[in-house]
N, C-alpha and C. Protein backbone atom coordinates (compact mmCIF):
# COMPACT_ATOMS: atom_id res chain seq x y z
N MET A 1 0.60 -1.28 -0.35
CA MET A 1 -0.22 -0.04 0.01
C MET A 1 0.76 1.32 -0.06
N LYS A 2 2.01 1.17 0.88
CA LYS A 2 3.00 2.39 0.91
C LYS A 2 3.76 2.53 -0.37
N ARG A 3 4.30 1.46 -0.55
CA ARG A 3 4.65 1.61 -2.38
C ARG A 3 4.37 1.85 -3.11
N GLU A 4 2.81 1.05 -3.36
CA GLU A 4 1.73 1.98 -4.22
C GLU A 4 1.48 3.22 -4.35
N ARG A 5 1.13 3.73 -3.09
CA ARG A 5 0.99 5.30 -2.73
C ARG A 5 2.82 5.88 -3.38
N GLN A 6 3.51 5.70 -2.69
CA GLN A 6 4.53 6.25 -3.40
C GLN A 6 4.99 6.12 -5.13
N ASN A 7 4.50 5.35 -5.77
CA ASN A 7 4.87 5.49 -6.94
C ASN A 7 3.63 6.13 -7.80
N LYS A 8 3.04 5.91 -7.31
CA LYS A 8 1.64 6.79 -7.91
C LYS A 8 2.25 8.52 -7.57
N ILE A 9 2.96 9.09 -6.49
CA ILE A 9 3.22 10.60 -6.32
C ILE A 9 4.47 10.33 -7.17
N ILE A 10 5.26 9.27 -7.12
CA ILE A 10 6.15 9.42 -8.66
C ILE A 10 6.15 10.03 -9.58
N GLU A 11 5.02 9.40 -10.16
CA GLU A 11 3.88 9.32 -11.32
C GLU A 11 3.33 10.86 -11.59
N ILE A 12 2.87 11.19 -10.13
CA ILE A 12 2.49 12.80 -10.55
C ILE A 12 3.50 13.41 -10.54
N VAL A 13 4.52 13.80 -9.88
CA VAL A 13 5.42 14.82 -9.69
C VAL A 13 5.93 14.53 -11.19
N ARG A 14 6.61 12.95 -12.07
CA ARG A 14 7.22 13.38 -13.43
C ARG A 14 6.18 13.73 -14.56
N GLU A 15 4.48 13.43 -14.27
CA GLU A 15 3.97 13.78 -15.25
C GLU A 15 3.24 15.69 -15.33
N LYS A 16 3.61 16.52 -14.05
CA LYS A 16 2.49 17.40 -13.86
C LYS A 16 3.78 18.18 -12.99
N SER A 17 3.66 19.41 -12.96
CA SER A 17 4.38 20.64 -12.82
C SER A 17 3.34 20.63 -11.44
N VAL A 18 3.48 19.85 -9.82
CA VAL A 18 3.27 20.26 -8.87
C VAL A 18 3.97 20.95 -7.78
N ARG A 19 3.21 22.08 -7.64
CA ARG A 19 3.83 23.15 -6.73
C ARG A 19 3.46 23.18 -5.27
N THR A 20 2.31 22.60 -4.49
CA THR A 20 2.73 22.40 -3.26
C THR A 20 1.80 20.96 -3.08
N GLN A 21 1.71 20.48 -1.67
CA GLN A 21 1.59 19.70 -1.15
C GLN A 21 0.15 19.38 -1.62
N GLY A 22 -0.78 20.53 -1.20
CA GLY A 22 -1.80 20.39 -1.37
C GLY A 22 -2.16 20.54 -3.07
N GLU A 23 -1.64 20.79 -3.66
CA GLU A 23 -2.23 20.33 -5.26
C GLU A 23 -2.15 18.45 -5.51
N LEU A 24 -0.50 18.23 -5.16
CA LEU A 24 -0.12 16.72 -4.71
C LEU A 24 -1.50 15.97 -4.21
N ILE A 25 -1.99 16.29 -2.97
CA ILE A 25 -2.94 15.51 -2.55
C ILE A 25 -4.25 15.64 -3.23
N LYS A 26 -4.80 17.00 -4.16
CA LYS A 26 -5.55 16.70 -4.88
C LYS A 26 -5.50 15.65 -6.04
N TYR A 27 -4.28 15.66 -6.96
CA TYR A 27 -3.72 15.05 -7.77
C TYR A 27 -4.15 13.12 -7.25
N LEU A 28 -3.33 13.34 -6.27
CA LEU A 28 -3.17 11.61 -5.67
C LEU A 28 -5.15 11.42 -5.47
N ARG A 29 -5.72 12.23 -5.06
CA ARG A 29 -7.34 11.98 -4.97
C ARG A 29 -7.94 11.91 -6.32
N GLY A 30 -7.83 12.38 -7.47
CA GLY A 30 -8.42 12.12 -8.65
C GLY A 30 -7.49 10.70 -8.99
N VAL A 31 -6.52 9.72 -8.21
CA VAL A 31 -6.32 8.81 -8.74
C VAL A 31 -6.59 7.79 -7.98
N GLY A 32 -7.90 7.97 -6.56
CA GLY A 32 -8.49 7.16 -5.86
C GLY A 32 -7.10 7.25 -4.80
N GLU A 33 -6.52 7.72 -4.37
CA GLU A 33 -5.21 7.87 -3.16
C GLU A 33 -5.88 8.82 -2.28
N LYS A 34 -6.52 8.45 -0.60
CA LYS A 34 -6.39 9.27 0.00
C LYS A 34 -5.90 9.24 1.29
N VAL A 35 -5.03 10.51 1.26
CA VAL A 35 -3.75 10.87 2.32
C VAL A 35 -3.59 11.82 2.87
N ALA A 36 -3.09 11.86 4.25
CA ALA A 36 -3.12 12.69 5.17
C ALA A 36 -1.83 13.77 4.99
N GLN A 37 -1.80 14.92 5.05
CA GLN A 37 -0.51 15.76 4.75
C GLN A 37 0.50 15.09 5.28
N SER A 38 0.53 15.07 6.71
CA SER A 38 2.09 14.33 7.66
C SER A 38 2.43 13.20 6.69
N THR A 39 1.61 12.29 6.05
CA THR A 39 2.11 11.00 4.96
C THR A 39 2.54 11.55 4.10
N LEU A 40 1.82 12.10 3.39
CA LEU A 40 2.51 12.62 2.14
C LEU A 40 3.81 13.59 2.27
N SER A 41 4.04 14.31 3.57
CA SER A 41 5.39 14.92 3.71
C SER A 41 6.02 13.55 3.77
N ARG A 42 6.15 12.66 4.86
CA ARG A 42 7.13 11.64 4.80
C ARG A 42 7.37 10.66 3.31
N ASP A 43 6.43 10.74 2.62
CA ASP A 43 6.63 10.55 1.47
C ASP A 43 7.27 10.76 0.30
N ILE A 44 7.12 12.00 0.40
CA ILE A 44 7.75 13.10 -0.08
C ILE A 44 9.51 13.06 -0.11
N ARG A 45 10.00 12.55 1.52
CA ARG A 45 11.06 12.82 2.00
C ARG A 45 11.50 11.66 1.66
N GLU A 46 10.95 10.37 2.07
CA GLU A 46 11.47 8.79 1.42
C GLU A 46 11.56 8.41 -0.13
N THR A 47 11.07 9.14 -0.91
CA THR A 47 10.94 9.51 -2.32
C THR A 47 11.80 9.75 -2.71
N GLY A 48 12.38 10.62 -2.37
CA GLY A 48 13.73 11.45 -2.72
C GLY A 48 12.84 12.73 -3.58
N ILE A 49 12.00 13.45 -3.33
CA ILE A 49 11.34 14.04 -4.28
C ILE A 49 11.72 15.86 -3.06
N ILE A 50 12.08 16.61 -4.33
CA ILE A 50 12.81 17.86 -3.64
C ILE A 50 11.55 19.06 -4.34
N LYS A 51 11.93 20.17 -3.97
CA LYS A 51 11.42 21.43 -4.88
C LYS A 51 12.44 22.15 -5.17
N VAL A 52 12.32 22.58 -6.49
CA VAL A 52 13.34 23.12 -7.34
C VAL A 52 12.57 24.43 -7.96
N PRO A 53 13.84 25.20 -7.76
CA PRO A 53 12.91 26.75 -8.58
C PRO A 53 12.69 26.38 -9.96
N THR A 54 11.61 27.23 -10.43
CA THR A 54 11.14 27.43 -11.63
C THR A 54 11.72 28.19 -12.88
N GLY A 55 12.30 29.15 -12.19
CA GLY A 55 12.76 30.61 -13.03
C GLY A 55 11.93 31.38 -12.98
N ILE A 56 10.75 31.47 -12.66
CA ILE A 56 9.96 32.43 -12.56
C ILE A 56 9.41 32.66 -11.30
N GLY A 57 10.18 32.76 -10.21
CA GLY A 57 9.88 32.89 -9.10
C GLY A 57 9.06 32.24 -8.08
N SER A 58 8.89 30.87 -8.40
CA SER A 58 7.97 29.79 -7.92
C SER A 58 8.93 28.64 -7.80
N TYR A 59 8.43 27.31 -7.06
CA TYR A 59 9.04 26.18 -7.03
C TYR A 59 8.11 25.21 -7.21
N ILE A 60 8.38 24.08 -7.83
CA ILE A 60 7.59 22.76 -8.38
C ILE A 60 8.83 21.31 -7.53
N TYR A 61 7.81 20.70 -7.09
CA TYR A 61 8.45 18.91 -7.20
C TYR A 61 8.91 18.36 -8.00
N GLU A 62 10.19 17.69 -7.96
CA GLU A 62 10.78 17.33 -8.90
C GLU A 62 11.65 15.47 -8.39
N LEU A 63 11.59 15.05 -8.48
CA LEU A 63 12.24 13.76 -8.41
C LEU A 63 13.68 14.21 -8.22
N ALA A 64 14.55 13.44 -7.47
CA ALA A 64 16.32 13.81 -7.48
C ALA A 64 16.64 13.20 -8.56
N GLU A 65 16.54 12.61 -8.78
CA GLU A 65 17.04 11.90 -10.58
C GLU A 65 18.15 12.83 -11.18
N GLY A 66 19.44 12.39 -11.07
CA GLY A 66 20.10 13.11 -11.99
C GLY A 66 20.66 14.70 -10.92
N VAL A 67 20.42 14.51 -9.79
CA VAL A 67 21.04 15.49 -8.95
C VAL A 67 22.05 14.94 -8.48
N HIS A 68 23.09 15.58 -8.58
CA HIS A 68 24.66 14.79 -7.77
C HIS A 68 24.80 15.83 -6.72
N PHE A 69 24.04 15.53 -5.54
CA PHE A 69 24.32 16.18 -4.53
C PHE A 69 25.62 15.89 -4.16
N GLY A 70 26.23 15.02 -4.11
CA GLY A 70 27.94 15.43 -3.25
C GLY A 70 28.82 15.80 -4.10
N ASP A 71 28.01 16.50 -5.12
CA ASP A 71 28.80 17.67 -6.02
C ASP A 71 28.76 19.00 -5.44
N LEU A 72 29.99 19.33 -5.15
CA LEU A 72 30.45 20.54 -4.30
C LEU A 72 29.47 22.08 -4.79
N SER A 73 29.40 22.09 -6.07
CA SER A 73 28.56 22.60 -6.70
C SER A 73 27.37 23.33 -6.55
N SER A 74 26.47 21.41 -6.70
CA SER A 74 25.24 21.17 -5.87
C SER A 74 25.07 22.00 -4.73
N PHE A 75 25.85 21.37 -3.58
CA PHE A 75 25.66 21.74 -2.40
C PHE A 75 25.92 23.49 -2.24
N SER A 76 26.76 24.35 -3.06
CA SER A 76 26.89 25.43 -2.97
C SER A 76 26.16 26.22 -3.53
N PHE A 77 25.17 25.84 -4.64
CA PHE A 77 23.99 26.26 -5.38
C PHE A 77 22.68 26.12 -4.13
N GLU A 78 22.64 25.22 -3.47
CA GLU A 78 21.48 25.18 -2.22
C GLU A 78 21.88 25.62 -1.49
N PHE A 79 23.09 26.09 -1.24
CA PHE A 79 23.63 27.47 -0.06
C PHE A 79 22.95 28.57 -0.72
N SER A 80 23.78 29.18 -1.56
CA SER A 80 23.46 30.26 -2.18
C SER A 80 22.10 30.57 -2.11
N HIS A 81 20.93 30.02 -2.96
CA HIS A 81 19.82 30.19 -3.09
C HIS A 81 18.83 30.41 -1.85
N PHE A 82 19.17 29.64 -0.95
CA PHE A 82 17.91 29.09 0.08
C PHE A 82 18.34 29.22 1.26
N VAL A 83 20.03 29.88 1.52
CA VAL A 83 20.25 30.10 3.35
C VAL A 83 20.21 31.51 3.17
N THR A 84 19.42 31.86 4.35
CA THR A 84 18.95 33.19 4.61
C THR A 84 19.95 33.81 5.68
N GLY A 85 20.30 32.57 6.43
CA GLY A 85 21.37 32.82 7.76
C GLY A 85 21.53 32.00 8.86
N ILE A 86 22.79 31.67 9.18
CA ILE A 86 23.38 30.94 9.85
C ILE A 86 24.30 31.27 11.51
N ASN A 87 23.84 30.49 12.13
CA ASN A 87 23.92 30.81 13.95
C ASN A 87 24.32 29.50 14.58
N ARG A 88 25.14 29.76 15.59
CA ARG A 88 25.76 28.75 16.33
C ARG A 88 25.22 28.20 17.69
N SER A 89 25.02 27.17 18.45
CA SER A 89 25.19 27.13 19.96
C SER A 89 25.54 26.02 20.37
N GLN A 90 26.83 25.95 21.03
CA GLN A 90 27.57 24.91 21.54
C GLN A 90 27.94 24.41 20.34
N ASN A 91 27.75 23.22 20.21
CA ASN A 91 28.21 21.96 18.89
C ASN A 91 26.66 21.62 17.95
N LEU A 92 26.13 23.15 17.83
CA LEU A 92 24.83 23.09 16.69
C LEU A 92 25.15 24.16 16.15
N ILE A 93 25.24 24.04 14.55
CA ILE A 93 25.75 25.02 13.36
C ILE A 93 23.78 25.35 13.35
N ILE A 94 22.93 26.40 13.67
CA ILE A 94 21.64 26.56 12.83
C ILE A 94 21.55 27.11 11.85
N VAL A 95 21.10 26.61 10.88
CA VAL A 95 20.86 27.40 9.20
C VAL A 95 19.51 27.49 8.91
N HIS A 96 19.13 28.93 8.87
CA HIS A 96 17.83 29.02 8.00
C HIS A 96 17.76 29.45 6.96
N THR A 97 16.73 28.82 5.95
CA THR A 97 16.51 28.66 4.73
C THR A 97 15.03 29.59 4.28
N THR A 98 14.51 29.60 3.08
CA THR A 98 13.72 30.38 2.90
C THR A 98 12.32 29.11 3.14
N ALA A 99 11.05 29.54 3.09
CA ALA A 99 10.42 28.63 3.30
C ALA A 99 10.13 27.56 2.82
N GLY A 100 9.82 26.11 3.43
CA GLY A 100 9.85 25.33 2.54
C GLY A 100 11.34 24.01 2.07
N ASN A 101 12.45 25.10 2.07
CA ASN A 101 14.04 24.60 1.58
C ASN A 101 14.38 24.10 2.63
N ALA A 102 14.22 23.93 3.59
CA ALA A 102 15.31 23.08 4.87
C ALA A 102 15.44 21.92 4.34
N GLN A 103 14.42 20.92 3.63
CA GLN A 103 14.81 19.44 3.68
C GLN A 103 15.80 19.23 2.49
N GLY A 104 16.00 19.95 1.46
CA GLY A 104 16.55 20.11 0.12
C GLY A 104 18.05 20.28 0.86
N VAL A 105 18.25 21.48 1.57
CA VAL A 105 19.57 22.05 1.60
C VAL A 105 20.14 20.72 2.89
N ALA A 106 19.25 20.19 3.96
CA ALA A 106 19.51 19.63 4.63
C ALA A 106 20.41 18.00 4.05
N ARG A 107 19.72 17.77 2.91
CA ARG A 107 20.02 16.70 2.26
C ARG A 107 21.01 16.38 1.64
N SER A 108 21.59 18.17 1.20
CA SER A 108 22.74 18.13 0.72
C SER A 108 23.75 18.14 1.19
N ILE A 109 23.63 18.71 2.30
CA ILE A 109 24.75 18.69 4.17
C ILE A 109 24.86 17.07 4.01
N ASP A 110 24.04 16.61 4.24
CA ASP A 110 23.85 15.06 4.69
C ASP A 110 24.40 14.14 3.71
N ILE A 111 24.62 14.41 2.40
CA ILE A 111 24.99 13.50 0.86
C ILE A 111 26.82 13.88 1.11
N LEU A 112 26.76 15.07 1.03
CA LEU A 112 28.46 15.29 1.32
C LEU A 112 29.25 14.28 2.14
N ASN A 113 28.49 14.10 2.85
CA ASN A 113 29.47 13.31 3.66
C ASN A 113 30.56 13.70 4.63
N LEU A 114 30.70 14.86 4.96
CA LEU A 114 31.78 15.56 5.73
C LEU A 114 31.87 14.97 7.05
N ASP A 115 32.67 14.82 7.21
CA ASP A 115 33.62 14.14 8.64
C ASP A 115 33.37 14.79 10.24
N LYS A 116 33.21 15.71 10.04
CA LYS A 116 32.90 16.82 11.30
C LYS A 116 31.64 16.72 11.28
N ILE A 117 30.32 16.41 10.83
CA ILE A 117 29.05 16.42 11.21
C ILE A 117 28.42 15.27 11.52
N MET A 118 28.26 14.87 12.52
CA MET A 118 27.22 14.23 13.47
C MET A 118 26.23 13.83 12.88
N GLY A 119 25.15 14.72 12.44
CA GLY A 119 24.22 14.37 11.72
C GLY A 119 23.40 16.04 11.79
N VAL A 120 21.87 15.87 10.84
CA VAL A 120 21.62 17.18 10.41
C VAL A 120 20.15 16.63 10.98
N VAL A 121 19.13 17.75 11.09
CA VAL A 121 17.65 17.51 11.21
C VAL A 121 17.35 19.12 11.05
N ALA A 122 16.16 18.54 10.08
CA ALA A 122 15.23 19.79 9.16
C ALA A 122 14.17 19.80 9.52
N GLY A 123 13.60 20.64 9.29
CA GLY A 123 11.97 21.34 9.62
C GLY A 123 11.79 22.13 8.28
N ASP A 124 10.84 22.93 8.18
CA ASP A 124 10.41 23.36 6.95
C ASP A 124 11.42 24.85 6.55
N ASP A 125 12.09 25.64 7.63
CA ASP A 125 12.85 26.71 7.24
C ASP A 125 13.95 26.62 7.79
N THR A 126 14.35 25.65 9.29
CA THR A 126 15.46 25.43 9.93
C THR A 126 15.97 24.42 10.04
N ILE A 127 17.33 24.24 10.16
CA ILE A 127 18.38 22.78 9.96
C ILE A 127 19.26 23.20 10.81
N PHE A 128 19.02 21.89 12.35
CA PHE A 128 20.05 21.98 13.25
C PHE A 128 21.40 21.41 12.70
N VAL A 129 22.33 21.45 12.72
CA VAL A 129 23.40 20.76 12.00
C VAL A 129 24.14 19.92 13.12
N ALA A 130 24.54 18.71 14.00
CA ALA A 130 25.75 18.69 15.14
C ALA A 130 26.80 18.53 14.79
N ILE A 131 27.94 18.86 15.04
CA ILE A 131 29.08 19.03 14.84
C ILE A 131 29.97 18.33 16.00
N ASP A 132 31.02 17.40 15.73
CA ASP A 132 31.49 16.24 16.61
C ASP A 132 32.36 17.36 17.42
N LYS A 133 32.75 18.18 17.15
CA LYS A 133 33.55 18.94 18.39
C LYS A 133 33.15 20.47 18.63
N VAL A 134 33.35 21.20 19.26
CA VAL A 134 32.88 22.31 19.56
C VAL A 134 34.13 23.07 18.68
N SER A 135 34.88 22.85 19.16
CA SER A 135 36.48 23.19 18.16
C SER A 135 36.13 23.22 16.57
N ASN A 136 35.57 22.09 16.04
CA ASN A 136 35.29 22.24 14.77
C ASN A 136 34.46 23.19 14.74
N ILE A 137 33.48 23.94 15.56
CA ILE A 137 32.10 24.98 14.52
C ILE A 137 32.89 25.90 13.90
N PRO A 138 33.90 26.47 14.29
CA PRO A 138 34.01 28.00 13.06
C PRO A 138 34.42 27.46 12.04
N THR A 139 35.53 25.96 11.66
CA THR A 139 35.44 25.40 10.53
C THR A 139 33.98 25.68 9.42
N VAL A 140 33.28 24.67 10.36
CA VAL A 140 32.28 24.49 9.57
C VAL A 140 31.26 25.58 9.55
N GLU A 141 31.52 26.52 10.15
CA GLU A 141 30.32 27.43 10.29
C GLU A 141 31.13 28.40 8.97
N ASN A 142 32.13 28.58 8.82
CA ASN A 142 33.14 29.34 7.92
C ASN A 142 32.83 28.60 6.55
N TYR A 143 32.39 27.69 6.10
CA TYR A 143 32.58 26.58 5.06
C TYR A 143 31.05 26.56 4.45
N PHE A 144 29.82 26.67 5.61
CA PHE A 144 28.80 27.24 5.52
C PHE A 144 28.50 28.74 4.86
N LYS A 145 29.28 29.66 5.28
CA LYS A 145 28.99 30.97 5.13
C LYS A 145 29.38 31.44 3.79
N GLN A 146 30.89 30.48 3.50
CA GLN A 146 31.36 30.54 2.13
C GLN A 146 29.92 30.01 0.93
N ALA A 147 29.40 29.07 1.66
CA ALA A 147 28.64 28.27 0.28
C ALA A 147 27.08 29.04 -0.24
N MET A 148 26.95 29.94 1.42
CA MET A 148 25.64 30.59 1.19
C MET A 148 26.16 32.02 0.73
N LYS A 149 27.53 32.58 0.25
CA LYS A 149 27.97 33.54 -0.59
C LYS A 149 27.86 32.93 -1.70
N GLY A 150 28.09 31.67 -2.02
CA GLY A 150 28.55 31.55 -3.40
C GLY A 150 29.98 31.80 -3.97
N LEU A 151 30.51 31.29 -2.44
CA LEU A 151 32.14 31.44 -2.48
C LEU A 151 33.20 30.51 -3.08
N LEU A 152 32.15 28.67 -2.67
CA LEU A 152 33.00 27.82 -2.82
C LEU A 152 33.48 27.50 -4.11
N LYS A 153 34.37 26.93 -4.21
CA LYS A 153 34.98 26.35 -5.90
C LYS A 153 35.40 24.78 -5.63
N ARG A 154 35.31 24.04 -6.71
CA ARG A 154 35.75 22.65 -6.72
C ARG A 154 37.15 22.58 -5.96
N LYS A 155 36.85 22.80 -4.79
CA LYS A 155 38.30 22.32 -3.55
C LYS A 155 38.05 21.67 -3.03
N LYS A 156 38.17 20.80 -2.11
CA LYS A 156 38.42 20.50 -0.48
C LYS A 156 38.43 21.51 0.33
N ILE A 157 37.74 22.14 1.20
CA ILE A 157 37.80 22.55 2.32
C ILE A 157 37.44 21.73 3.63
N LEU A 158 36.92 20.86 3.50
CA LEU A 158 37.02 19.56 5.14
C LEU A 158 37.44 18.65 4.21
N ASN A 159 37.16 17.61 5.57
CA ASN A 159 37.47 15.77 4.96
C ASN A 159 36.64 15.68 4.71
N ILE A 160 36.23 14.80 3.17
CA ILE A 160 35.16 13.97 3.16
C ILE A 160 35.74 12.76 3.66
N ASN A 161 34.73 11.81 4.26
CA ASN A 161 34.97 10.28 3.77
C ASN A 161 35.68 9.85 2.59
N LYS A 162 37.27 9.39 3.38
CA LYS A 162 37.58 8.85 2.18
C LYS A 162 36.74 7.27 1.31
N SER A 163 35.36 7.18 2.20
CA SER A 163 34.25 6.06 0.99
C SER A 163 33.62 6.71 0.18
N ARG A 164 33.89 8.12 0.24
CA ARG A 164 32.94 8.92 -0.90
C ARG A 164 33.92 9.40 -1.84
N THR A 165 33.32 9.73 -3.12
CA THR A 165 33.79 10.00 -4.28
C THR A 165 34.63 11.22 -4.17
N ARG A 166 36.04 11.04 -4.28
CA ARG A 166 37.20 12.43 -4.04
C ARG A 166 36.73 13.51 -5.44
N LEU A 167 36.24 14.90 -4.57
CA LEU A 167 36.25 15.95 -5.39
C LEU A 167 37.30 16.26 -6.45
N SER A 168 37.17 16.22 -7.52
CA SER A 168 38.39 16.46 -8.75
C SER A 168 38.77 18.51 -8.54
N ARG A 169 39.87 18.13 -8.36
CA ARG A 169 40.33 19.71 -8.76
C ARG A 169 40.61 20.29 -9.83
N ARG A 170 39.62 21.56 -10.06
CA ARG A 170 40.25 21.94 -12.07
C ARG A 170 41.54 22.82 -11.56
N ARG A 171 42.29 22.74 -12.56
CA ARG A 171 43.63 23.38 -12.70
C ARG A 171 43.33 25.00 -13.50
N LYS A 172 44.39 25.86 -12.72
CA LYS A 172 44.00 27.13 -13.33
C LYS A 172 44.63 27.50 -14.72
N GLN A 173 44.11 27.66 -15.64
CA GLN A 173 44.88 27.90 -17.30
C GLN A 173 44.92 29.33 -17.52
């Protein structure tokens, strides 16, 4: 039942320009699927559906297929377009985003798999990033602030787990 519902959600997102969860619920009702908003929200997360800008000031849901979150440029894009502020408290970095974009930004943080980050929790417009040691807060905070300003280049600033693909460096020509 859950798998079938999620497959219907994926099919709808592929075929239609869905802007809100409310619209998605209406489309689901149209195919005989009744779902609560909280269940839909979990399904969206579990299926890897994200909100992306349309280029005309609005956002639509799309599958994350073909989006290379491990790529530093994608991480930098998420931060420079959706992050509105960064604060810290003890071993937490708090990242503020535009409404509805915390999940996508948090996913880009998670998939980078940075050694200094213990975990990430996201709401609608706020992300809590737990850092392994208080002494690492300034490094990660600076990294995030550079990303927010769009200043990151394709170079390794923080250690990325060795099991992950290493980022290639561009040569200056």
